[in-house]
Amino acid sequence: MSSVDTTPADTEGVAAIFRRVLETDEVAADSDFFLLGGDSLIATRVLSALARTYGVELSFEDFVLAPTPAALVELIAGAR
């Protein structure tokens, strides 16, 4: 895992990434990416956006275990 960028992760920022890739406004802090219609291919877009935005590379397994904006913010914070 890398921490090149120092942008602090926040739930709204991660939710905004979900909204953009899923093309929906229906994303809250506890919204499950997969229940919103996301799949593994779209998840790679989220992981890429998280890496660009926050400088932390998470695995697909990380994403599956933490598929909500709030859970991902915790993972990002712990990876730094």
PDB file of N, CA and C in Angstrom:
ATOM      1  N   MET A   1       0.835  -1.179   0.000  1.00  0.00           N
ATOM      2  CA  MET A   1       0.000   0.000   0.000  1.00  0.00           C
ATOM      3  C   MET A   1       0.876   1.237   0.000  1.00  0.00           C
ATOM      4  N   SER A   2       0.428   2.227  -0.699  1.00  0.00           N
ATOM      5  CA  SER A   2       1.201   3.446  -0.869  1.00  0.00           C
ATOM      6  C   SER A   2       0.467   4.619  -0.247  1.00  0.00           C
ATOM      7  N   SER A   3       1.211   5.608   0.193  1.00  0.00           N
ATOM      8  CA  SER A   3       0.567   6.810   0.723  1.00  0.00           C
ATOM      9  C   SER A   3       1.229   8.042   0.122  1.00  0.00           C
ATOM     10  N   VAL A   4       1.242   8.128  -1.189  1.00  0.00           N
ATOM     11  CA  VAL A   4       1.856   9.233  -1.908  1.00  0.00           C
ATOM     12  C   VAL A   4       1.087  10.523  -1.673  1.00  0.00           C
ATOM     13  N   ASP A   5      -0.210  10.473  -1.775  1.00  0.00           N
ATOM     14  CA  ASP A   5      -1.060  11.649  -1.587  1.00  0.00           C
ATOM     15  C   ASP A   5      -1.391  11.783  -0.108  1.00  0.00           C
ATOM     16  N   THR A   6      -1.631  12.999   0.335  1.00  0.00           N
ATOM     17  CA  THR A   6      -1.983  13.211   1.737  1.00  0.00           C
ATOM     18  C   THR A   6      -3.406  13.712   1.899  1.00  0.00           C
ATOM     19  N   THR A   7      -4.212  13.609   0.846  1.00  0.00           N
ATOM     20  CA  THR A   7      -5.605  14.028   0.933  1.00  0.00           C
ATOM     21  C   THR A   7      -6.313  13.151   1.961  1.00  0.00           C
ATOM     22  N   PRO A   8      -6.894  13.750   2.996  1.00  0.00           N
ATOM     23  CA  PRO A   8      -7.591  12.920   3.982  1.00  0.00           C
ATOM     24  C   PRO A   8      -8.877  12.328   3.397  1.00  0.00           C
ATOM     25  N   ALA A   9      -9.067  11.063   3.651  1.00  0.00           N
ATOM     26  CA  ALA A   9     -10.284  10.404   3.163  1.00  0.00           C
ATOM     27  C   ALA A   9     -11.456  10.815   4.038  1.00  0.00           C
ATOM     28  N   ASP A  10     -12.580  11.075   3.398  1.00  0.00           N
ATOM     29  CA  ASP A  10     -13.798  11.354   4.147  1.00  0.00           C
ATOM     30  C   ASP A  10     -14.949  10.619   3.479  1.00  0.00           C
ATOM     31  N   THR A  11     -15.976  10.360   4.252  1.00  0.00           N
ATOM     32  CA  THR A  11     -17.095   9.569   3.762  1.00  0.00           C
ATOM     33  C   THR A  11     -17.757  10.221   2.559  1.00  0.00           C
ATOM     34  N   GLU A  12     -17.901  11.516   2.560  1.00  0.00           N
ATOM     35  CA  GLU A  12     -18.549  12.200   1.443  1.00  0.00           C
ATOM     36  C   GLU A  12     -17.722  12.069   0.171  1.00  0.00           C
ATOM     37  N   GLY A  13     -16.411  12.146   0.298  1.00  0.00           N
ATOM     38  CA  GLY A  13     -15.553  12.007  -0.868  1.00  0.00           C
ATOM     39  C   GLY A  13     -15.644  10.615  -1.485  1.00  0.00           C
ATOM     40  N   VAL A  14     -15.649   9.585  -0.645  1.00  0.00           N
ATOM     41  CA  VAL A  14     -15.759   8.214  -1.148  1.00  0.00           C
ATOM     42  C   VAL A  14     -17.164   7.993  -1.722  1.00  0.00           C
ATOM     43  N   ALA A  15     -18.179   8.523  -1.065  1.00  0.00           N
ATOM     44  CA  ALA A  15     -19.548   8.402  -1.576  1.00  0.00           C
ATOM     45  C   ALA A  15     -19.667   9.078  -2.944  1.00  0.00           C
ATOM     46  N   ALA A  16     -18.968  10.187  -3.135  1.00  0.00           N
ATOM     47  CA  ALA A  16     -18.991  10.882  -4.426  1.00  0.00           C
ATOM     48  C   ALA A  16     -18.387  10.008  -5.529  1.00  0.00           C
ATOM     49  N   ILE A  17     -17.348   9.266  -5.198  1.00  0.00           N
ATOM     50  CA  ILE A  17     -16.758   8.338  -6.169  1.00  0.00           C
ATOM     51  C   ILE A  17     -17.778   7.254  -6.509  1.00  0.00           C
ATOM     52  N   PHE A  18     -18.453   6.701  -5.497  1.00  0.00           N
ATOM     53  CA  PHE A  18     -19.496   5.701  -5.746  1.00  0.00           C
ATOM     54  C   PHE A  18     -20.563   6.286  -6.673  1.00  0.00           C
ATOM     55  N   ARG A  19     -21.009   7.512  -6.371  1.00  0.00           N
ATOM     56  CA  ARG A  19     -22.058   8.140  -7.179  1.00  0.00           C
ATOM     57  C   ARG A  19     -21.636   8.268  -8.638  1.00  0.00           C
ATOM     58  N   ARG A  20     -20.401   8.687  -8.839  1.00  0.00           N
ATOM     59  CA  ARG A  20     -19.909   8.893 -10.195  1.00  0.00           C
ATOM     60  C   ARG A  20     -19.829   7.576 -10.967  1.00  0.00           C
ATOM     61  N   VAL A  21     -19.240   6.547 -10.384  1.00  0.00           N
ATOM     62  CA  VAL A  21     -19.066   5.299 -11.138  1.00  0.00           C
ATOM     63  C   VAL A  21     -20.363   4.514 -11.273  1.00  0.00           C
ATOM     64  N   LEU A  22     -21.251   4.635 -10.292  1.00  0.00           N
ATOM     65  CA  LEU A  22     -22.531   3.922 -10.362  1.00  0.00           C
ATOM     66  C   LEU A  22     -23.617   4.736 -11.057  1.00  0.00           C
ATOM     67  N   GLU A  23     -23.320   6.003 -11.315  1.00  0.00           N
ATOM     68  CA  GLU A  23     -24.273   6.905 -11.963  1.00  0.00           C
ATOM     69  C   GLU A  23     -25.608   6.943 -11.222  1.00  0.00           C
ATOM     70  N   THR A  24     -25.513   7.192  -9.912  1.00  0.00           N
ATOM     71  CA  THR A  24     -26.707   7.312  -9.070  1.00  0.00           C
ATOM     72  C   THR A  24     -26.442   8.323  -7.966  1.00  0.00           C
ATOM     73  N   ASP A  25     -27.502   8.959  -7.516  1.00  0.00           N
ATOM     74  CA  ASP A  25     -27.395   9.880  -6.387  1.00  0.00           C
ATOM     75  C   ASP A  25     -27.706   9.186  -5.068  1.00  0.00           C
ATOM     76  N   GLU A  26     -28.130   7.938  -5.139  1.00  0.00           N
ATOM     77  CA  GLU A  26     -28.595   7.195  -3.968  1.00  0.00           C
ATOM     78  C   GLU A  26     -27.458   6.520  -3.213  1.00  0.00           C
ATOM     79  N   VAL A  27     -26.493   7.297  -2.727  1.00  0.00           N
ATOM     80  CA  VAL A  27     -25.369   6.735  -1.991  1.00  0.00           C
ATOM     81  C   VAL A  27     -25.230   7.459  -0.662  1.00  0.00           C
ATOM     82  N   ALA A  28     -25.283   6.701   0.416  1.00  0.00           N
ATOM     83  CA  ALA A  28     -25.082   7.229   1.770  1.00  0.00           C
ATOM     84  C   ALA A  28     -23.814   6.592   2.345  1.00  0.00           C
ATOM     85  N   ALA A  29     -23.421   7.016   3.520  1.00  0.00           N
ATOM     86  CA  ALA A  29     -22.202   6.499   4.159  1.00  0.00           C
ATOM     87  C   ALA A  29     -22.230   4.990   4.336  1.00  0.00           C
ATOM     88  N   ASP A  30     -23.421   4.439   4.572  1.00  0.00           N
ATOM     89  CA  ASP A  30     -23.526   2.996   4.820  1.00  0.00           C
ATOM     90  C   ASP A  30     -24.084   2.219   3.628  1.00  0.00           C
ATOM     91  N   SER A  31     -24.081   2.824   2.449  1.00  0.00           N
ATOM     92  CA  SER A  31     -24.581   2.156   1.247  1.00  0.00           C
ATOM     93  C   SER A  31     -23.588   1.101   0.765  1.00  0.00           C
ATOM     94  N   ASP A  32     -24.071  -0.110   0.552  1.00  0.00           N
ATOM     95  CA  ASP A  32     -23.246  -1.204   0.062  1.00  0.00           C
ATOM     96  C   ASP A  32     -23.117  -1.105  -1.458  1.00  0.00           C
ATOM     97  N   PHE A  33     -21.897  -0.988  -1.931  1.00  0.00           N
ATOM     98  CA  PHE A  33     -21.609  -0.844  -3.355  1.00  0.00           C
ATOM     99  C   PHE A  33     -22.284  -1.923  -4.191  1.00  0.00           C
ATOM    100  N   PHE A  34     -22.215  -3.148  -3.738  1.00  0.00           N
ATOM    101  CA  PHE A  34     -22.748  -4.265  -4.515  1.00  0.00           C
ATOM    102  C   PHE A  34     -24.278  -4.291  -4.499  1.00  0.00           C
ATOM    103  N   LEU A  35     -24.878  -3.876  -3.405  1.00  0.00           N
ATOM    104  CA  LEU A  35     -26.343  -3.801  -3.351  1.00  0.00           C
ATOM    105  C   LEU A  35     -26.876  -2.643  -4.195  1.00  0.00           C
ATOM    106  N   LEU A  36     -26.019  -1.669  -4.470  1.00  0.00           N
ATOM    107  CA  LEU A  36     -26.399  -0.549  -5.337  1.00  0.00           C
ATOM    108  C   LEU A  36     -26.268  -0.913  -6.818  1.00  0.00           C
ATOM    109  N   GLY A  37     -25.830  -2.136  -7.099  1.00  0.00           N
ATOM    110  CA  GLY A  37     -25.703  -2.578  -8.485  1.00  0.00           C
ATOM    111  C   GLY A  37     -24.284  -2.658  -8.997  1.00  0.00           C
ATOM    112  N   GLY A  38     -23.311  -2.373  -8.133  1.00  0.00           N
ATOM    113  CA  GLY A  38     -21.920  -2.457  -8.543  1.00  0.00           C
ATOM    114  C   GLY A  38     -21.479  -3.895  -8.730  1.00  0.00           C
ATOM    115  N   ASP A  39     -20.484  -4.085  -9.586  1.00  0.00           N
ATOM    116  CA  ASP A  39     -19.922  -5.416  -9.795  1.00  0.00           C
ATOM    117  C   ASP A  39     -18.400  -5.314  -9.752  1.00  0.00           C
ATOM    118  N   SER A  40     -17.724  -6.432  -9.968  1.00  0.00           N
ATOM    119  CA  SER A  40     -16.265  -6.447  -9.835  1.00  0.00           C
ATOM    120  C   SER A  40     -15.580  -5.536 -10.853  1.00  0.00           C
ATOM    121  N   LEU A  41     -16.113  -5.444 -12.053  1.00  0.00           N
ATOM    122  CA  LEU A  41     -15.511  -4.586 -13.068  1.00  0.00           C
ATOM    123  C   LEU A  41     -15.616  -3.113 -12.671  1.00  0.00           C
ATOM    124  N   ILE A  42     -16.779  -2.712 -12.208  1.00  0.00           N
ATOM    125  CA  ILE A  42     -16.969  -1.319 -11.780  1.00  0.00           C
ATOM    126  C   ILE A  42     -16.169  -1.045 -10.501  1.00  0.00           C
ATOM    127  N   ALA A  43     -16.001  -2.057  -9.666  1.00  0.00           N
ATOM    128  CA  ALA A  43     -15.220  -1.897  -8.434  1.00  0.00           C
ATOM    129  C   ALA A  43     -13.788  -1.500  -8.756  1.00  0.00           C
ATOM    130  N   THR A  44     -13.246  -1.990  -9.862  1.00  0.00           N
ATOM    131  CA  THR A  44     -11.880  -1.610 -10.227  1.00  0.00           C
ATOM    132  C   THR A  44     -11.791  -0.114 -10.514  1.00  0.00           C
ATOM    133  N   ARG A  45     -12.855   0.469 -11.031  1.00  0.00           N
ATOM    134  CA  ARG A  45     -12.879   1.922 -11.259  1.00  0.00           C
ATOM    135  C   ARG A  45     -12.862   2.676  -9.929  1.00  0.00           C
ATOM    136  N   VAL A  46     -13.599   2.149  -8.952  1.00  0.00           N
ATOM    137  CA  VAL A  46     -13.597   2.773  -7.621  1.00  0.00           C
ATOM    138  C   VAL A  46     -12.205   2.674  -7.004  1.00  0.00           C
ATOM    139  N   LEU A  47     -11.607   1.494  -7.060  1.00  0.00           N
ATOM    140  CA  LEU A  47     -10.282   1.296  -6.473  1.00  0.00           C
ATOM    141  C   LEU A  47      -9.252   2.216  -7.125  1.00  0.00           C
ATOM    142  N   SER A  48      -9.348   2.386  -8.433  1.00  0.00           N
ATOM    143  CA  SER A  48      -8.443   3.285  -9.136  1.00  0.00           C
ATOM    144  C   SER A  48      -8.649   4.731  -8.698  1.00  0.00           C
ATOM    145  N   ALA A  49      -9.899   5.144  -8.565  1.00  0.00           N
ATOM    146  CA  ALA A  49     -10.202   6.510  -8.123  1.00  0.00           C
ATOM    147  C   ALA A  49      -9.734   6.738  -6.693  1.00  0.00           C
ATOM    148  N   LEU A  50      -9.882   5.734  -5.838  1.00  0.00           N
ATOM    149  CA  LEU A  50      -9.404   5.860  -4.459  1.00  0.00           C
ATOM    150  C   LEU A  50      -7.889   6.024  -4.427  1.00  0.00           C
ATOM    151  N   ALA A  51      -7.200   5.255  -5.247  1.00  0.00           N
ATOM    152  CA  ALA A  51      -5.735   5.358  -5.295  1.00  0.00           C
ATOM    153  C   ALA A  51      -5.301   6.734  -5.782  1.00  0.00           C
ATOM    154  N   ARG A  52      -5.953   7.239  -6.836  1.00  0.00           N
ATOM    155  CA  ARG A  52      -5.607   8.571  -7.360  1.00  0.00           C
ATOM    156  C   ARG A  52      -5.919   9.669  -6.356  1.00  0.00           C
ATOM    157  N   THR A  53      -7.060   9.562  -5.704  1.00  0.00           N
ATOM    158  CA  THR A  53      -7.518  10.622  -4.813  1.00  0.00           C
ATOM    159  C   THR A  53      -6.816  10.616  -3.466  1.00  0.00           C
ATOM    160  N   TYR A  54      -6.633   9.419  -2.899  1.00  0.00           N
ATOM    161  CA  TYR A  54      -6.125   9.323  -1.537  1.00  0.00           C
ATOM    162  C   TYR A  54      -4.731   8.721  -1.427  1.00  0.00           C
ATOM    163  N   GLY A  55      -4.178   8.255  -2.554  1.00  0.00           N
ATOM    164  CA  GLY A  55      -2.816   7.734  -2.533  1.00  0.00           C
ATOM    165  C   GLY A  55      -2.663   6.403  -1.828  1.00  0.00           C
ATOM    166  N   VAL A  56      -3.743   5.650  -1.716  1.00  0.00           N
ATOM    167  CA  VAL A  56      -3.707   4.356  -1.045  1.00  0.00           C
ATOM    168  C   VAL A  56      -4.283   3.310  -1.980  1.00  0.00           C
ATOM    169  N   GLU A  57      -3.511   2.262  -2.226  1.00  0.00           N
ATOM    170  CA  GLU A  57      -3.984   1.190  -3.093  1.00  0.00           C
ATOM    171  C   GLU A  57      -4.568   0.070  -2.252  1.00  0.00           C
ATOM    172  N   LEU A  58      -5.849  -0.166  -2.449  1.00  0.00           N
ATOM    173  CA  LEU A  58      -6.549  -1.242  -1.757  1.00  0.00           C
ATOM    174  C   LEU A  58      -6.767  -2.385  -2.736  1.00  0.00           C
ATOM    175  N   SER A  59      -6.858  -3.589  -2.213  1.00  0.00           N
ATOM    176  CA  SER A  59      -7.110  -4.746  -3.073  1.00  0.00           C
ATOM    177  C   SER A  59      -8.613  -4.927  -3.270  1.00  0.00           C
ATOM    178  N   PHE A  60      -8.956  -5.754  -4.254  1.00  0.00           N
ATOM    179  CA  PHE A  60     -10.361  -6.068  -4.467  1.00  0.00           C
ATOM    180  C   PHE A  60     -10.928  -6.756  -3.229  1.00  0.00           C
ATOM    181  N   GLU A  61     -10.132  -7.606  -2.594  1.00  0.00           N
ATOM    182  CA  GLU A  61     -10.578  -8.280  -1.368  1.00  0.00           C
ATOM    183  C   GLU A  61     -10.885  -7.253  -0.273  1.00  0.00           C
ATOM    184  N   ASP A  62     -10.044  -6.228  -0.142  1.00  0.00           N
ATOM    185  CA  ASP A  62     -10.320  -5.150   0.820  1.00  0.00           C
ATOM    186  C   ASP A  62     -11.688  -4.545   0.530  1.00  0.00           C
ATOM    187  N   PHE A  63     -11.939  -4.301  -0.748  1.00  0.00           N
ATOM    188  CA  PHE A  63     -13.183  -3.665  -1.162  1.00  0.00           C
ATOM    189  C   PHE A  63     -14.389  -4.553  -0.845  1.00  0.00           C
ATOM    190  N   VAL A  64     -14.261  -5.850  -1.101  1.00  0.00           N
ATOM    191  CA  VAL A  64     -15.357  -6.785  -0.826  1.00  0.00           C
ATOM    192  C   VAL A  64     -15.668  -6.822   0.674  1.00  0.00           C
ATOM    193  N   LEU A  65     -14.650  -6.752   1.493  1.00  0.00           N
ATOM    194  CA  LEU A  65     -14.835  -6.803   2.947  1.00  0.00           C
ATOM    195  C   LEU A  65     -15.304  -5.472   3.531  1.00  0.00           C
ATOM    196  N   ALA A  66     -15.144  -4.392   2.781  1.00  0.00           N
ATOM    197  CA  ALA A  66     -15.539  -3.059   3.247  1.00  0.00           C
ATOM    198  C   ALA A  66     -16.211  -2.309   2.096  1.00  0.00           C
ATOM    199  N   PRO A  67     -17.414  -2.724   1.696  1.00  0.00           N
ATOM    200  CA  PRO A  67     -18.025  -2.175   0.481  1.00  0.00           C
ATOM    201  C   PRO A  67     -18.856  -0.898   0.658  1.00  0.00           C
ATOM    202  N   THR A  68     -18.678  -0.211   1.777  1.00  0.00           N
ATOM    203  CA  THR A  68     -19.417   1.035   1.992  1.00  0.00           C
ATOM    204  C   THR A  68     -18.438   2.205   2.080  1.00  0.00           C
ATOM    205  N   PRO A  69     -18.881   3.412   1.779  1.00  0.00           N
ATOM    206  CA  PRO A  69     -17.979   4.561   1.922  1.00  0.00           C
ATOM    207  C   PRO A  69     -17.374   4.671   3.322  1.00  0.00           C
ATOM    208  N   ALA A  70     -18.175   4.488   4.359  1.00  0.00           N
ATOM    209  CA  ALA A  70     -17.662   4.619   5.723  1.00  0.00           C
ATOM    210  C   ALA A  70     -16.583   3.576   6.025  1.00  0.00           C
ATOM    211  N   ALA A  71     -16.818   2.343   5.611  1.00  0.00           N
ATOM    212  CA  ALA A  71     -15.837   1.272   5.860  1.00  0.00           C
ATOM    213  C   ALA A  71     -14.567   1.505   5.070  1.00  0.00           C
ATOM    214  N   LEU A  72     -14.682   2.005   3.852  1.00  0.00           N
ATOM    215  CA  LEU A  72     -13.491   2.287   3.050  1.00  0.00           C
ATOM    216  C   LEU A  72     -12.667   3.426   3.635  1.00  0.00           C
ATOM    217  N   VAL A  73     -13.319   4.423   4.202  1.00  0.00           N
ATOM    218  CA  VAL A  73     -12.594   5.519   4.854  1.00  0.00           C
ATOM    219  C   VAL A  73     -11.762   4.969   6.001  1.00  0.00           C
ATOM    220  N   GLU A  74     -12.308   4.045   6.758  1.00  0.00           N
ATOM    221  CA  GLU A  74     -11.546   3.423   7.856  1.00  0.00           C
ATOM    222  C   GLU A  74     -10.349   2.652   7.320  1.00  0.00           C
ATOM    223  N   LEU A  75     -10.539   1.906   6.237  1.00  0.00           N
ATOM    224  CA  LEU A  75      -9.432   1.153   5.639  1.00  0.00           C
ATOM    225  C   LEU A  75      -8.333   2.107   5.142  1.00  0.00           C
ATOM    226  N   ILE A  76      -8.738   3.168   4.492  1.00  0.00           N
ATOM    227  CA  ILE A  76      -7.780   4.133   3.973  1.00  0.00           C
ATOM    228  C   ILE A  76      -6.985   4.754   5.110  1.00  0.00           C
ATOM    229  N   ALA A  77      -7.676   5.138   6.163  1.00  0.00           N
ATOM    230  CA  ALA A  77      -6.993   5.733   7.316  1.00  0.00           C
ATOM    231  C   ALA A  77      -5.999   4.758   7.945  1.00  0.00           C
ATOM    232  N   GLY A  78      -6.373   3.489   8.004  1.00  0.00           N
ATOM    233  CA  GLY A  78      -5.496   2.478   8.581  1.00  0.00           C
ATOM    234  C   GLY A  78      -4.316   2.117   7.693  1.00  0.00           C
ATOM    235  N   ALA A  79      -4.436   2.396   6.403  1.00  0.00           N
ATOM    236  CA  ALA A  79      -3.367   2.055   5.466  1.00  0.00           C
ATOM    237  C   ALA A  79      -2.256   3.104   5.431  1.00  0.00           C
ATOM    238  N   ARG A  80      -2.504   4.225   6.034  1.00  0.00           N
ATOM    239  CA  ARG A  80      -1.508   5.316   5.975  1.00  0.00           C
ATOM    240  C   ARG A  80      -0.541   5.228   7.095  1.00  0.00           C
TER     241      ARG A  80
END
